[in-house]
């Protein structure tokens, strides 16, 4: 009987401790279970973190955070969470943050007049829309929506860390824009995307010198 009482008290303490966690901490803990076993074992680490980041960004806790702080603070928090999930590995954090912040549900390819929608997420539509709405909308403080600039920034940082050579990273970014212009319905070469790419590349170099660097500190005025 005494053991049962002790176990009941322990369970109550543990549950109260979990409930007492700040909302973002709870969202972070839940994100770690976003990828089911055994898929979590076979996915590349950066990709797995990307799916965990999607869960984190889609959480109501992150949505409340995003709506209460500046776009820069929300942007930084996405990177910090990815870095924590990656246990400090910046390459995996950059890739995870990029995948987590994808703001396209699909890509409408247009090849010789034939349109094919290529899905970029397996999320239910409602969760995609919720995650999309939680991404900073005006990161560069322009009238245009900037939700797609996060994926460009973090993907460019990942490429810089992976490939190293600036010219190769720039070429990859330009190739994506040319591909969008040629093959994506309504696509065009967007100089603002290229600008975000350059900012991401700059942040990777800054983070090499200072591991505590904030992504927002590398943002420059975007035309």
N, C-alpha and C. Protein backbone atom coordinates (compact mmCIF):
# COMPACT_ATOMS: atom_id res chain seq x y z
N UNK A 1 0.83 -1.19 0.00
CA UNK A 1 0.00 0.00 0.00
C UNK A 1 0.88 1.26 0.00
N UNK A 2 1.92 1.21 0.86
CA UNK A 2 2.82 2.36 0.94
C UNK A 2 3.52 2.59 -0.39
N UNK A 3 3.97 1.49 -1.05
CA UNK A 3 4.62 1.62 -2.35
C UNK A 3 3.68 2.23 -3.39
N UNK A 4 2.41 1.85 -3.35
CA UNK A 4 1.44 2.40 -4.30
C UNK A 4 1.28 3.90 -4.10
N UNK A 5 1.28 4.33 -2.84
CA UNK A 5 1.14 5.76 -2.54
C UNK A 5 2.36 6.52 -3.05
N UNK A 6 3.56 5.93 -2.81
CA UNK A 6 4.80 6.57 -3.27
C UNK A 6 4.81 6.71 -4.78
N UNK A 7 4.39 5.64 -5.48
CA UNK A 7 4.37 5.67 -6.94
C UNK A 7 3.37 6.72 -7.45
N UNK A 8 2.23 6.81 -6.76
CA UNK A 8 1.22 7.80 -7.16
C UNK A 8 1.75 9.22 -6.99
N UNK A 9 2.48 9.45 -5.87
CA UNK A 9 3.05 10.78 -5.64
C UNK A 9 4.11 11.10 -6.68
N UNK A 10 4.96 10.09 -7.03
CA UNK A 10 6.00 10.29 -8.04
C UNK A 10 5.38 10.64 -9.39
N UNK A 11 4.33 9.91 -9.74
CA UNK A 11 3.66 10.17 -11.02
C UNK A 11 3.09 11.57 -11.06
N UNK A 12 2.55 12.02 -9.91
CA UNK A 12 1.98 13.36 -9.85
C UNK A 12 3.05 14.42 -10.00
N UNK A 13 4.20 14.19 -9.35
CA UNK A 13 5.31 15.14 -9.43
C UNK A 13 5.83 15.24 -10.85
N UNK A 14 5.98 14.08 -11.49
CA UNK A 14 6.50 14.06 -12.86
C UNK A 14 5.54 14.78 -13.80
N UNK A 15 4.24 14.46 -13.67
CA UNK A 15 3.26 15.09 -14.55
C UNK A 15 3.20 16.59 -14.32
N UNK A 16 3.31 17.02 -13.06
CA UNK A 16 3.28 18.45 -12.76
C UNK A 16 4.52 19.13 -13.34
N UNK A 17 5.66 18.39 -13.32
CA UNK A 17 6.88 18.96 -13.89
C UNK A 17 6.76 19.17 -15.38
N UNK A 18 6.14 18.18 -16.07
CA UNK A 18 5.96 18.30 -17.51
C UNK A 18 5.02 19.44 -17.83
N UNK A 19 3.92 19.52 -17.08
CA UNK A 19 2.94 20.57 -17.32
C UNK A 19 3.50 21.94 -17.00
N UNK A 20 4.49 21.97 -16.09
CA UNK A 20 5.06 23.25 -15.69
C UNK A 20 6.07 23.78 -16.70
N UNK A 21 6.45 22.95 -17.69
CA UNK A 21 7.41 23.40 -18.69
C UNK A 21 6.82 24.58 -19.48
N UNK A 22 7.67 25.54 -19.84
CA UNK A 22 7.20 26.61 -20.72
C UNK A 22 6.66 26.01 -22.02
N UNK A 23 5.68 26.66 -22.65
CA UNK A 23 5.06 26.10 -23.86
C UNK A 23 6.05 25.73 -24.96
N UNK A 24 7.06 26.60 -25.22
CA UNK A 24 8.03 26.27 -26.27
C UNK A 24 8.84 25.04 -25.92
N UNK A 25 9.14 24.85 -24.65
CA UNK A 25 9.87 23.66 -24.23
C UNK A 25 9.04 22.40 -24.47
N UNK A 26 7.74 22.48 -24.20
CA UNK A 26 6.87 21.34 -24.43
C UNK A 26 6.78 21.04 -25.93
N UNK A 27 6.68 22.10 -26.74
CA UNK A 27 6.63 21.91 -28.19
C UNK A 27 7.91 21.28 -28.70
N UNK A 28 9.05 21.70 -28.13
CA UNK A 28 10.34 21.14 -28.51
C UNK A 28 10.42 19.66 -28.15
N UNK A 29 9.95 19.31 -26.95
CA UNK A 29 9.97 17.91 -26.52
C UNK A 29 9.08 17.05 -27.40
N UNK A 30 7.92 17.58 -27.77
CA UNK A 30 7.00 16.82 -28.62
C UNK A 30 7.55 16.65 -30.03
N UNK A 31 8.30 17.65 -30.52
CA UNK A 31 8.85 17.58 -31.87
C UNK A 31 9.81 16.42 -32.04
N UNK A 32 10.45 16.02 -30.95
CA UNK A 32 11.41 14.92 -31.02
C UNK A 32 10.75 13.58 -31.33
N UNK A 33 9.44 13.52 -31.26
CA UNK A 33 8.71 12.30 -31.58
C UNK A 33 7.93 12.45 -32.88
N UNK A 34 8.28 13.47 -33.68
CA UNK A 34 7.53 13.74 -34.90
C UNK A 34 7.77 12.68 -35.97
N UNK A 35 8.96 12.10 -35.97
CA UNK A 35 9.30 11.07 -36.96
C UNK A 35 9.19 9.71 -36.29
N UNK A 36 8.28 8.85 -36.75
CA UNK A 36 8.06 7.57 -36.08
C UNK A 36 9.22 6.60 -36.27
N UNK A 37 9.37 5.72 -35.30
CA UNK A 37 10.33 4.62 -35.39
C UNK A 37 9.75 3.57 -36.33
N UNK A 38 10.51 2.93 -37.22
CA UNK A 38 11.97 3.00 -37.37
C UNK A 38 12.44 4.03 -38.40
N UNK A 39 11.50 4.81 -38.97
CA UNK A 39 11.90 5.80 -39.96
C UNK A 39 12.91 6.77 -39.40
N UNK A 40 12.80 7.06 -38.12
CA UNK A 40 13.72 8.00 -37.48
C UNK A 40 15.17 7.50 -37.52
N UNK A 41 15.35 6.18 -37.67
CA UNK A 41 16.69 5.61 -37.68
C UNK A 41 17.33 5.64 -39.07
N UNK A 42 16.52 5.65 -40.11
CA UNK A 42 17.07 5.54 -41.47
C UNK A 42 17.16 6.87 -42.20
N UNK A 43 16.41 7.87 -41.76
CA UNK A 43 16.49 9.18 -42.41
C UNK A 43 17.83 9.85 -42.09
N UNK A 44 18.43 10.53 -43.06
CA UNK A 44 19.63 11.34 -42.74
C UNK A 44 19.29 12.33 -41.62
N UNK A 45 20.25 12.60 -40.76
CA UNK A 45 19.99 13.41 -39.57
C UNK A 45 19.37 14.77 -39.90
N UNK A 46 19.92 15.45 -40.88
CA UNK A 46 19.40 16.77 -41.23
C UNK A 46 17.96 16.73 -41.71
N UNK A 47 17.62 15.68 -42.46
CA UNK A 47 16.25 15.52 -42.96
C UNK A 47 15.31 15.23 -41.80
N UNK A 48 15.74 14.33 -40.90
CA UNK A 48 14.91 14.03 -39.73
C UNK A 48 14.65 15.28 -38.91
N UNK A 49 15.68 16.09 -38.71
CA UNK A 49 15.52 17.33 -37.97
C UNK A 49 14.55 18.26 -38.70
N UNK A 50 14.57 18.23 -40.03
CA UNK A 50 13.64 19.05 -40.80
C UNK A 50 12.20 18.70 -40.49
N UNK A 51 11.90 17.41 -40.40
CA UNK A 51 10.53 16.99 -40.06
C UNK A 51 10.19 17.36 -38.61
N UNK A 52 11.17 17.25 -37.74
CA UNK A 52 10.93 17.66 -36.35
C UNK A 52 10.69 19.16 -36.27
N UNK A 53 11.41 19.93 -37.08
CA UNK A 53 11.21 21.37 -37.10
C UNK A 53 9.84 21.75 -37.64
N UNK A 54 9.34 20.98 -38.58
CA UNK A 54 7.99 21.26 -39.09
C UNK A 54 6.96 21.11 -37.97
N UNK A 55 7.15 20.08 -37.17
CA UNK A 55 6.25 19.87 -36.03
C UNK A 55 6.37 21.03 -35.06
N UNK A 56 7.59 21.46 -34.79
CA UNK A 56 7.83 22.56 -33.84
C UNK A 56 7.21 23.86 -34.33
N UNK A 57 7.45 24.20 -35.59
CA UNK A 57 6.94 25.46 -36.12
C UNK A 57 5.41 25.44 -36.22
N UNK A 58 4.85 24.26 -36.49
CA UNK A 58 3.39 24.15 -36.60
C UNK A 58 2.69 24.19 -35.25
N UNK A 59 3.44 24.04 -34.16
CA UNK A 59 2.82 23.99 -32.84
C UNK A 59 2.14 25.31 -32.49
N UNK A 60 1.08 25.22 -31.70
CA UNK A 60 0.37 26.43 -31.28
C UNK A 60 1.29 27.30 -30.41
N UNK A 61 2.20 26.66 -29.68
CA UNK A 61 3.11 27.42 -28.82
C UNK A 61 4.03 28.30 -29.67
N UNK A 62 4.56 27.75 -30.77
CA UNK A 62 5.43 28.57 -31.61
C UNK A 62 4.62 29.65 -32.32
N UNK A 63 3.40 29.32 -32.70
CA UNK A 63 2.55 30.33 -33.32
C UNK A 63 2.31 31.51 -32.40
N UNK A 64 2.07 31.22 -31.12
CA UNK A 64 1.86 32.29 -30.14
C UNK A 64 3.14 33.10 -29.96
N UNK A 65 4.28 32.40 -29.97
CA UNK A 65 5.57 33.08 -29.85
C UNK A 65 5.80 33.98 -31.05
N UNK A 66 5.59 33.46 -32.24
CA UNK A 66 5.83 34.22 -33.47
C UNK A 66 4.98 35.49 -33.53
N UNK A 67 3.75 35.39 -33.03
CA UNK A 67 2.85 36.54 -33.10
C UNK A 67 3.15 37.59 -32.03
N UNK A 68 4.03 37.25 -31.08
CA UNK A 68 4.29 38.17 -29.97
C UNK A 68 5.68 38.80 -30.01
N UNK A 69 6.51 38.40 -30.99
CA UNK A 69 7.88 38.92 -31.06
C UNK A 69 8.13 39.47 -32.47
N UNK A 70 9.30 40.04 -32.66
CA UNK A 70 9.68 40.58 -33.97
C UNK A 70 9.96 39.43 -34.94
N UNK A 71 9.87 39.68 -36.26
CA UNK A 71 10.22 38.65 -37.23
C UNK A 71 11.63 38.11 -37.03
N UNK A 72 12.55 39.01 -36.65
CA UNK A 72 13.94 38.58 -36.43
C UNK A 72 14.05 37.59 -35.28
N UNK A 73 13.32 37.84 -34.19
CA UNK A 73 13.37 36.95 -33.02
C UNK A 73 12.79 35.59 -33.37
N UNK A 74 11.71 35.57 -34.12
CA UNK A 74 11.10 34.31 -34.54
C UNK A 74 12.05 33.54 -35.46
N UNK A 75 12.69 34.26 -36.36
CA UNK A 75 13.67 33.70 -37.29
C UNK A 75 14.83 33.07 -36.53
N UNK A 76 15.37 33.79 -35.56
CA UNK A 76 16.46 33.28 -34.75
C UNK A 76 16.04 32.02 -33.98
N UNK A 77 14.82 32.02 -33.44
CA UNK A 77 14.35 30.89 -32.65
C UNK A 77 14.29 29.62 -33.49
N UNK A 78 13.91 29.74 -34.75
CA UNK A 78 13.88 28.57 -35.63
C UNK A 78 15.28 27.96 -35.74
N UNK A 79 16.28 28.82 -35.91
CA UNK A 79 17.65 28.31 -36.00
C UNK A 79 18.11 27.71 -34.68
N UNK A 80 17.84 28.40 -33.58
CA UNK A 80 18.29 27.90 -32.28
C UNK A 80 17.69 26.53 -31.98
N UNK A 81 16.41 26.34 -32.31
CA UNK A 81 15.77 25.05 -32.07
C UNK A 81 16.39 23.97 -32.95
N UNK A 82 16.64 24.29 -34.22
CA UNK A 82 17.28 23.33 -35.12
C UNK A 82 18.67 22.97 -34.61
N UNK A 83 19.40 23.96 -34.10
CA UNK A 83 20.75 23.72 -33.59
C UNK A 83 20.70 22.83 -32.36
N UNK A 84 19.68 23.02 -31.53
CA UNK A 84 19.55 22.17 -30.35
C UNK A 84 19.21 20.73 -30.75
N UNK A 85 18.31 20.57 -31.71
CA UNK A 85 17.97 19.23 -32.18
C UNK A 85 19.17 18.55 -32.83
N UNK A 86 20.06 19.35 -33.42
CA UNK A 86 21.25 18.82 -34.10
C UNK A 86 22.43 18.65 -33.14
N UNK A 87 22.20 18.94 -31.85
CA UNK A 87 23.26 18.84 -30.83
C UNK A 87 24.49 19.65 -31.24
N UNK A 88 24.24 20.85 -31.79
CA UNK A 88 25.33 21.75 -32.10
C UNK A 88 25.94 21.58 -33.48
N UNK A 89 25.51 20.59 -34.24
CA UNK A 89 26.04 20.37 -35.59
C UNK A 89 25.38 21.38 -36.55
N UNK A 90 26.14 22.37 -36.99
CA UNK A 90 25.55 23.45 -37.78
C UNK A 90 25.07 22.99 -39.15
N UNK A 91 25.78 22.04 -39.75
CA UNK A 91 25.35 21.55 -41.06
C UNK A 91 23.95 20.94 -40.98
N UNK A 92 23.73 20.06 -40.01
CA UNK A 92 22.41 19.45 -39.83
C UNK A 92 21.37 20.49 -39.41
N UNK A 93 21.81 21.48 -38.62
CA UNK A 93 20.88 22.53 -38.19
C UNK A 93 20.43 23.37 -39.39
N UNK A 94 21.36 23.73 -40.28
CA UNK A 94 21.00 24.52 -41.46
C UNK A 94 20.02 23.75 -42.34
N UNK A 95 20.33 22.47 -42.58
CA UNK A 95 19.45 21.67 -43.43
C UNK A 95 18.09 21.48 -42.78
N UNK A 96 18.09 21.18 -41.48
CA UNK A 96 16.83 21.00 -40.77
C UNK A 96 15.98 22.25 -40.75
N UNK A 97 16.62 23.41 -40.55
CA UNK A 97 15.88 24.68 -40.53
C UNK A 97 15.31 24.99 -41.91
N UNK A 98 16.06 24.65 -42.96
CA UNK A 98 15.58 24.89 -44.32
C UNK A 98 14.37 24.03 -44.64
N UNK A 99 14.46 22.74 -44.35
CA UNK A 99 13.33 21.83 -44.61
C UNK A 99 12.14 22.20 -43.73
N UNK A 100 12.41 22.55 -42.49
CA UNK A 100 11.34 22.92 -41.57
C UNK A 100 10.60 24.17 -42.00
N UNK A 101 11.27 25.06 -42.73
CA UNK A 101 10.65 26.32 -43.10
C UNK A 101 10.20 26.37 -44.57
N UNK A 102 10.18 25.21 -45.25
CA UNK A 102 9.63 25.18 -46.62
C UNK A 102 8.23 25.80 -46.60
N UNK A 103 8.00 26.76 -47.48
CA UNK A 103 6.69 27.41 -47.46
C UNK A 103 5.86 27.06 -48.70
N UNK A 104 6.30 26.07 -49.46
CA UNK A 104 5.52 25.58 -50.59
C UNK A 104 4.96 24.20 -50.26
N UNK A 105 3.68 24.02 -50.50
CA UNK A 105 3.08 22.69 -50.30
C UNK A 105 3.39 21.78 -51.49
N UNK A 106 3.51 22.37 -52.64
CA UNK A 106 3.91 21.65 -53.85
C UNK A 106 4.54 22.62 -54.83
N UNK A 107 5.22 22.07 -55.83
CA UNK A 107 5.78 22.89 -56.91
C UNK A 107 5.02 22.56 -58.19
N UNK A 108 4.42 23.57 -58.83
CA UNK A 108 3.67 23.31 -60.07
C UNK A 108 4.61 23.30 -61.28
N UNK A 109 5.15 22.15 -61.62
CA UNK A 109 6.03 22.06 -62.78
C UNK A 109 5.22 22.20 -64.05
N UNK A 110 5.78 22.92 -65.01
CA UNK A 110 5.13 23.11 -66.31
C UNK A 110 6.14 22.71 -67.38
N UNK A 111 5.99 21.49 -67.90
CA UNK A 111 6.93 20.97 -68.89
C UNK A 111 6.20 20.74 -70.20
N UNK A 112 6.56 21.53 -71.21
CA UNK A 112 5.94 21.44 -72.53
C UNK A 112 4.42 21.56 -72.44
N UNK A 113 3.98 22.44 -71.56
CA UNK A 113 2.55 22.67 -71.43
C UNK A 113 1.83 21.68 -70.54
N UNK A 114 2.55 20.70 -70.03
CA UNK A 114 1.95 19.71 -69.13
C UNK A 114 2.28 20.11 -67.69
N UNK A 115 1.25 20.33 -66.89
CA UNK A 115 1.46 20.78 -65.52
C UNK A 115 1.37 19.59 -64.56
N UNK A 116 2.38 19.48 -63.70
CA UNK A 116 2.44 18.41 -62.71
C UNK A 116 2.75 19.04 -61.36
N UNK A 117 1.91 18.79 -60.38
CA UNK A 117 2.15 19.29 -59.03
C UNK A 117 3.02 18.29 -58.26
N UNK A 118 4.22 18.71 -57.91
CA UNK A 118 5.15 17.86 -57.17
C UNK A 118 5.06 18.21 -55.69
N UNK A 119 4.58 17.29 -54.84
CA UNK A 119 4.44 17.62 -53.42
C UNK A 119 5.79 17.81 -52.73
N UNK A 120 5.85 18.77 -51.82
CA UNK A 120 7.07 19.02 -51.05
C UNK A 120 6.88 18.66 -49.58
N UNK A 121 5.71 18.19 -49.23
CA UNK A 121 5.45 17.83 -47.84
C UNK A 121 4.41 16.73 -47.79
N UNK A 122 4.51 15.90 -46.77
CA UNK A 122 3.51 14.86 -46.53
C UNK A 122 2.55 15.29 -45.43
N UNK A 123 2.65 16.55 -45.00
CA UNK A 123 1.78 17.05 -43.94
C UNK A 123 0.33 17.11 -44.40
N UNK A 124 -0.62 16.88 -43.49
CA UNK A 124 -2.02 17.20 -43.81
C UNK A 124 -2.12 18.68 -44.17
N UNK A 125 -3.03 19.01 -45.07
CA UNK A 125 -3.13 20.38 -45.56
C UNK A 125 -3.33 21.38 -44.42
N UNK A 126 -4.19 21.01 -43.46
CA UNK A 126 -4.48 21.94 -42.36
C UNK A 126 -3.23 22.24 -41.54
N UNK A 127 -2.40 21.21 -41.33
CA UNK A 127 -1.18 21.47 -40.56
C UNK A 127 -0.18 22.28 -41.36
N UNK A 128 -0.11 22.03 -42.68
CA UNK A 128 0.77 22.83 -43.51
C UNK A 128 0.39 24.31 -43.43
N UNK A 129 -0.90 24.59 -43.56
CA UNK A 129 -1.36 25.97 -43.52
C UNK A 129 -1.03 26.61 -42.18
N UNK A 130 -1.18 25.84 -41.10
CA UNK A 130 -0.86 26.38 -39.78
C UNK A 130 0.63 26.67 -39.66
N UNK A 131 1.46 25.73 -40.12
CA UNK A 131 2.91 25.96 -40.06
C UNK A 131 3.30 27.15 -40.93
N UNK A 132 2.73 27.22 -42.12
CA UNK A 132 3.00 28.33 -43.03
C UNK A 132 2.67 29.67 -42.37
N UNK A 133 1.56 29.71 -41.66
CA UNK A 133 1.14 30.96 -41.02
C UNK A 133 2.04 31.35 -39.86
N UNK A 134 2.82 30.40 -39.33
CA UNK A 134 3.71 30.69 -38.21
C UNK A 134 5.10 31.16 -38.66
N UNK A 135 5.39 31.07 -39.95
CA UNK A 135 6.69 31.55 -40.45
C UNK A 135 6.68 33.08 -40.49
N UNK A 136 7.80 33.72 -40.12
CA UNK A 136 7.85 35.19 -40.16
C UNK A 136 7.47 35.70 -41.55
N UNK A 137 6.48 36.57 -41.60
CA UNK A 137 5.93 37.01 -42.88
C UNK A 137 6.69 38.17 -43.50
N UNK A 138 7.33 38.99 -42.68
CA UNK A 138 8.01 40.19 -43.19
C UNK A 138 9.40 40.30 -42.59
N UNK A 139 10.19 39.28 -42.85
CA UNK A 139 11.54 39.23 -42.29
C UNK A 139 12.38 40.42 -42.73
N UNK A 140 12.21 40.84 -43.97
CA UNK A 140 13.00 41.96 -44.51
C UNK A 140 12.25 43.28 -44.45
N UNK A 141 11.10 43.28 -43.78
CA UNK A 141 10.32 44.50 -43.57
C UNK A 141 9.98 45.21 -44.88
N UNK A 142 9.55 44.41 -45.85
CA UNK A 142 9.04 44.95 -47.10
C UNK A 142 7.56 44.61 -47.19
N UNK A 143 6.87 45.19 -48.17
CA UNK A 143 5.44 44.91 -48.31
C UNK A 143 5.19 43.47 -48.76
N UNK A 144 6.15 42.91 -49.51
CA UNK A 144 6.00 41.54 -49.98
C UNK A 144 6.16 40.55 -48.84
N UNK A 145 5.47 39.42 -48.96
CA UNK A 145 5.63 38.36 -47.96
C UNK A 145 7.02 37.75 -48.09
N UNK A 146 7.65 37.48 -46.93
CA UNK A 146 9.02 36.96 -46.92
C UNK A 146 9.10 35.53 -46.41
N UNK A 147 7.99 34.83 -46.35
CA UNK A 147 8.02 33.49 -45.77
C UNK A 147 8.95 32.54 -46.53
N UNK A 148 9.10 32.76 -47.84
CA UNK A 148 9.96 31.87 -48.61
C UNK A 148 11.44 32.21 -48.46
N UNK A 149 11.74 33.34 -47.86
CA UNK A 149 13.15 33.74 -47.74
C UNK A 149 13.89 32.90 -46.70
N UNK A 150 13.18 32.32 -45.74
CA UNK A 150 13.83 31.50 -44.72
C UNK A 150 14.48 30.28 -45.35
N UNK A 151 13.74 29.60 -46.24
CA UNK A 151 14.29 28.40 -46.84
C UNK A 151 15.50 28.73 -47.71
N UNK A 152 15.46 29.88 -48.38
CA UNK A 152 16.61 30.29 -49.19
C UNK A 152 17.82 30.59 -48.30
N UNK A 153 17.60 31.30 -47.22
CA UNK A 153 18.67 31.67 -46.30
C UNK A 153 19.35 30.43 -45.73
N UNK A 154 18.55 29.52 -45.16
CA UNK A 154 19.13 28.35 -44.48
C UNK A 154 19.71 27.34 -45.47
N UNK A 155 19.07 27.20 -46.64
CA UNK A 155 19.60 26.27 -47.64
C UNK A 155 20.94 26.76 -48.16
N UNK A 156 21.07 28.07 -48.34
CA UNK A 156 22.35 28.63 -48.80
C UNK A 156 23.43 28.46 -47.75
N UNK A 157 23.06 28.65 -46.47
CA UNK A 157 24.03 28.43 -45.39
C UNK A 157 24.48 26.97 -45.37
N UNK A 158 23.53 26.05 -45.59
CA UNK A 158 23.87 24.62 -45.62
C UNK A 158 24.81 24.31 -46.79
N UNK A 159 24.50 24.87 -47.97
CA UNK A 159 25.35 24.62 -49.13
C UNK A 159 26.75 25.19 -48.91
N UNK A 160 26.84 26.37 -48.31
CA UNK A 160 28.15 26.96 -48.04
C UNK A 160 28.94 26.06 -47.10
N UNK A 161 28.28 25.54 -46.07
CA UNK A 161 28.97 24.66 -45.12
C UNK A 161 29.36 23.34 -45.76
N UNK A 162 28.54 22.87 -46.71
CA UNK A 162 28.79 21.58 -47.36
C UNK A 162 29.79 21.67 -48.49
N UNK A 163 29.61 22.69 -49.36
CA UNK A 163 30.44 22.81 -50.55
C UNK A 163 31.67 23.69 -50.33
N UNK A 164 31.54 24.67 -49.45
CA UNK A 164 32.67 25.52 -49.12
C UNK A 164 32.89 26.68 -50.08
N UNK A 165 32.95 26.41 -51.37
CA UNK A 165 33.34 27.44 -52.35
C UNK A 165 32.19 28.40 -52.62
N UNK A 166 32.45 29.69 -52.45
CA UNK A 166 31.42 30.71 -52.65
C UNK A 166 30.81 30.65 -54.05
N UNK A 167 31.67 30.55 -55.06
CA UNK A 167 31.17 30.59 -56.44
C UNK A 167 30.24 29.42 -56.72
N UNK A 168 30.53 28.27 -56.11
CA UNK A 168 29.69 27.10 -56.34
C UNK A 168 28.34 27.25 -55.65
N UNK A 169 28.35 27.86 -54.47
CA UNK A 169 27.10 28.11 -53.75
C UNK A 169 26.25 29.12 -54.51
N UNK A 170 26.89 30.17 -55.02
CA UNK A 170 26.16 31.17 -55.80
C UNK A 170 25.59 30.55 -57.07
N UNK A 171 26.38 29.69 -57.71
CA UNK A 171 25.93 29.03 -58.94
C UNK A 171 24.72 28.15 -58.66
N UNK A 172 24.75 27.43 -57.54
CA UNK A 172 23.62 26.56 -57.18
C UNK A 172 22.36 27.39 -56.96
N UNK A 173 22.49 28.52 -56.27
CA UNK A 173 21.34 29.39 -56.04
C UNK A 173 20.77 29.94 -57.33
N UNK A 174 21.66 30.35 -58.24
CA UNK A 174 21.21 30.88 -59.51
C UNK A 174 20.56 29.79 -60.36
N UNK A 175 21.08 28.57 -60.28
CA UNK A 175 20.50 27.46 -61.03
C UNK A 175 19.08 27.16 -60.58
N UNK A 176 18.83 27.28 -59.28
CA UNK A 176 17.47 27.07 -58.76
C UNK A 176 16.53 28.12 -59.34
N UNK A 177 16.97 29.38 -59.36
CA UNK A 177 16.13 30.46 -59.88
C UNK A 177 15.87 30.27 -61.38
N UNK A 178 16.89 29.88 -62.12
CA UNK A 178 16.71 29.64 -63.56
C UNK A 178 15.75 28.47 -63.77
N UNK A 179 15.89 27.43 -62.95
CA UNK A 179 14.99 26.29 -63.05
C UNK A 179 13.54 26.69 -62.78
N UNK A 180 13.34 27.55 -61.79
CA UNK A 180 11.99 28.04 -61.50
C UNK A 180 11.44 28.83 -62.68
N UNK A 181 12.31 29.63 -63.28
CA UNK A 181 11.88 30.46 -64.41
C UNK A 181 11.47 29.60 -65.61
N UNK A 182 12.19 28.50 -65.83
CA UNK A 182 11.95 27.66 -67.00
C UNK A 182 10.83 26.64 -66.78
N UNK A 183 10.79 26.04 -65.59
CA UNK A 183 9.96 24.86 -65.42
C UNK A 183 8.81 24.99 -64.42
N UNK A 184 8.78 26.07 -63.63
CA UNK A 184 7.74 26.22 -62.62
C UNK A 184 6.69 27.20 -63.12
N UNK A 185 5.44 26.76 -63.10
CA UNK A 185 4.36 27.63 -63.55
C UNK A 185 4.31 28.91 -62.74
N UNK A 186 4.41 30.05 -63.40
CA UNK A 186 4.41 31.33 -62.71
C UNK A 186 5.73 31.69 -62.08
N UNK A 187 6.75 30.87 -62.28
CA UNK A 187 8.05 31.13 -61.68
C UNK A 187 8.84 32.18 -62.45
N UNK A 188 9.79 32.81 -61.76
CA UNK A 188 10.65 33.81 -62.38
C UNK A 188 11.91 33.93 -61.54
N UNK A 189 12.93 34.56 -62.11
CA UNK A 189 14.17 34.79 -61.38
C UNK A 189 13.95 35.94 -60.42
N UNK A 190 13.96 35.65 -59.14
CA UNK A 190 13.65 36.64 -58.12
C UNK A 190 14.94 37.15 -57.47
N UNK A 191 15.32 38.40 -57.71
CA UNK A 191 16.55 38.93 -57.10
C UNK A 191 16.49 38.93 -55.57
N UNK A 192 15.29 38.97 -55.00
CA UNK A 192 15.17 38.95 -53.54
C UNK A 192 15.53 37.57 -52.99
N UNK A 193 15.24 36.52 -53.77
CA UNK A 193 15.66 35.18 -53.36
C UNK A 193 17.18 35.08 -53.37
N UNK A 194 17.80 35.60 -54.42
CA UNK A 194 19.26 35.58 -54.51
C UNK A 194 19.89 36.39 -53.38
N UNK A 195 19.23 37.47 -53.00
CA UNK A 195 19.72 38.29 -51.89
C UNK A 195 19.68 37.50 -50.59
N UNK A 196 18.58 36.79 -50.35
CA UNK A 196 18.48 35.96 -49.15
C UNK A 196 19.52 34.85 -49.16
N UNK A 197 19.80 34.30 -50.36
CA UNK A 197 20.86 33.30 -50.49
C UNK A 197 22.20 33.87 -50.01
N UNK A 198 22.51 35.08 -50.45
CA UNK A 198 23.77 35.71 -50.06
C UNK A 198 23.84 35.96 -48.56
N UNK A 199 22.71 36.36 -47.98
CA UNK A 199 22.69 36.58 -46.53
C UNK A 199 22.94 35.26 -45.78
N UNK A 200 22.35 34.18 -46.28
CA UNK A 200 22.57 32.87 -45.65
C UNK A 200 24.02 32.43 -45.74
N UNK A 201 24.61 32.65 -46.90
CA UNK A 201 26.03 32.31 -47.07
C UNK A 201 26.89 33.13 -46.11
N UNK A 202 26.54 34.40 -45.96
CA UNK A 202 27.28 35.28 -45.05
C UNK A 202 27.14 34.80 -43.60
N UNK A 203 25.95 34.33 -43.25
CA UNK A 203 25.75 33.86 -41.88
C UNK A 203 26.58 32.62 -41.59
N UNK A 204 26.69 31.73 -42.56
CA UNK A 204 27.51 30.53 -42.34
C UNK A 204 28.94 30.92 -42.02
N UNK A 205 29.47 31.90 -42.73
CA UNK A 205 30.84 32.35 -42.47
C UNK A 205 30.93 33.04 -41.12
N UNK A 206 29.92 33.80 -40.76
CA UNK A 206 29.90 34.47 -39.47
C UNK A 206 29.83 33.46 -38.33
N UNK A 207 29.04 32.40 -38.52
CA UNK A 207 28.90 31.39 -37.47
C UNK A 207 30.18 30.58 -37.29
N UNK A 208 31.02 30.56 -38.33
CA UNK A 208 32.32 29.91 -38.21
C UNK A 208 33.21 30.67 -37.23
N UNK A 209 33.10 32.00 -37.28
CA UNK A 209 33.92 32.83 -36.41
C UNK A 209 33.31 32.98 -35.01
N UNK A 210 31.99 32.91 -34.94
CA UNK A 210 31.30 33.11 -33.67
C UNK A 210 30.13 32.14 -33.60
N UNK A 211 30.25 31.10 -32.81
CA UNK A 211 29.21 30.07 -32.75
C UNK A 211 27.92 30.59 -32.12
N UNK A 212 27.99 31.75 -31.48
CA UNK A 212 26.80 32.34 -30.88
C UNK A 212 26.14 33.38 -31.78
N UNK A 213 26.58 33.46 -33.03
CA UNK A 213 26.03 34.44 -33.96
C UNK A 213 24.54 34.20 -34.19
N UNK A 214 23.78 35.28 -34.33
CA UNK A 214 22.36 35.22 -34.60
C UNK A 214 22.14 35.29 -36.11
N UNK A 215 21.28 34.45 -36.68
CA UNK A 215 21.00 34.56 -38.11
C UNK A 215 20.52 35.95 -38.51
N UNK A 216 19.70 36.57 -37.66
CA UNK A 216 19.15 37.88 -37.99
C UNK A 216 20.25 38.94 -38.13
N UNK A 217 21.40 38.71 -37.49
CA UNK A 217 22.49 39.69 -37.57
C UNK A 217 23.11 39.73 -38.97
N UNK A 218 22.82 38.71 -39.80
CA UNK A 218 23.37 38.66 -41.15
C UNK A 218 22.38 39.17 -42.20
N UNK A 219 21.18 39.55 -41.77
CA UNK A 219 20.21 40.08 -42.71
C UNK A 219 20.61 41.48 -43.16
N UNK A 220 20.53 41.73 -44.44
CA UNK A 220 20.82 43.06 -44.99
C UNK A 220 19.60 43.56 -45.75
N UNK A 221 19.45 44.86 -45.93
CA UNK A 221 18.27 45.39 -46.63
C UNK A 221 18.05 44.71 -47.97
N UNK A 222 16.86 44.16 -48.15
CA UNK A 222 16.54 43.41 -49.34
C UNK A 222 15.75 44.27 -50.31
N UNK A 223 16.20 44.36 -51.58
CA UNK A 223 15.50 45.23 -52.55
C UNK A 223 14.08 44.74 -52.83
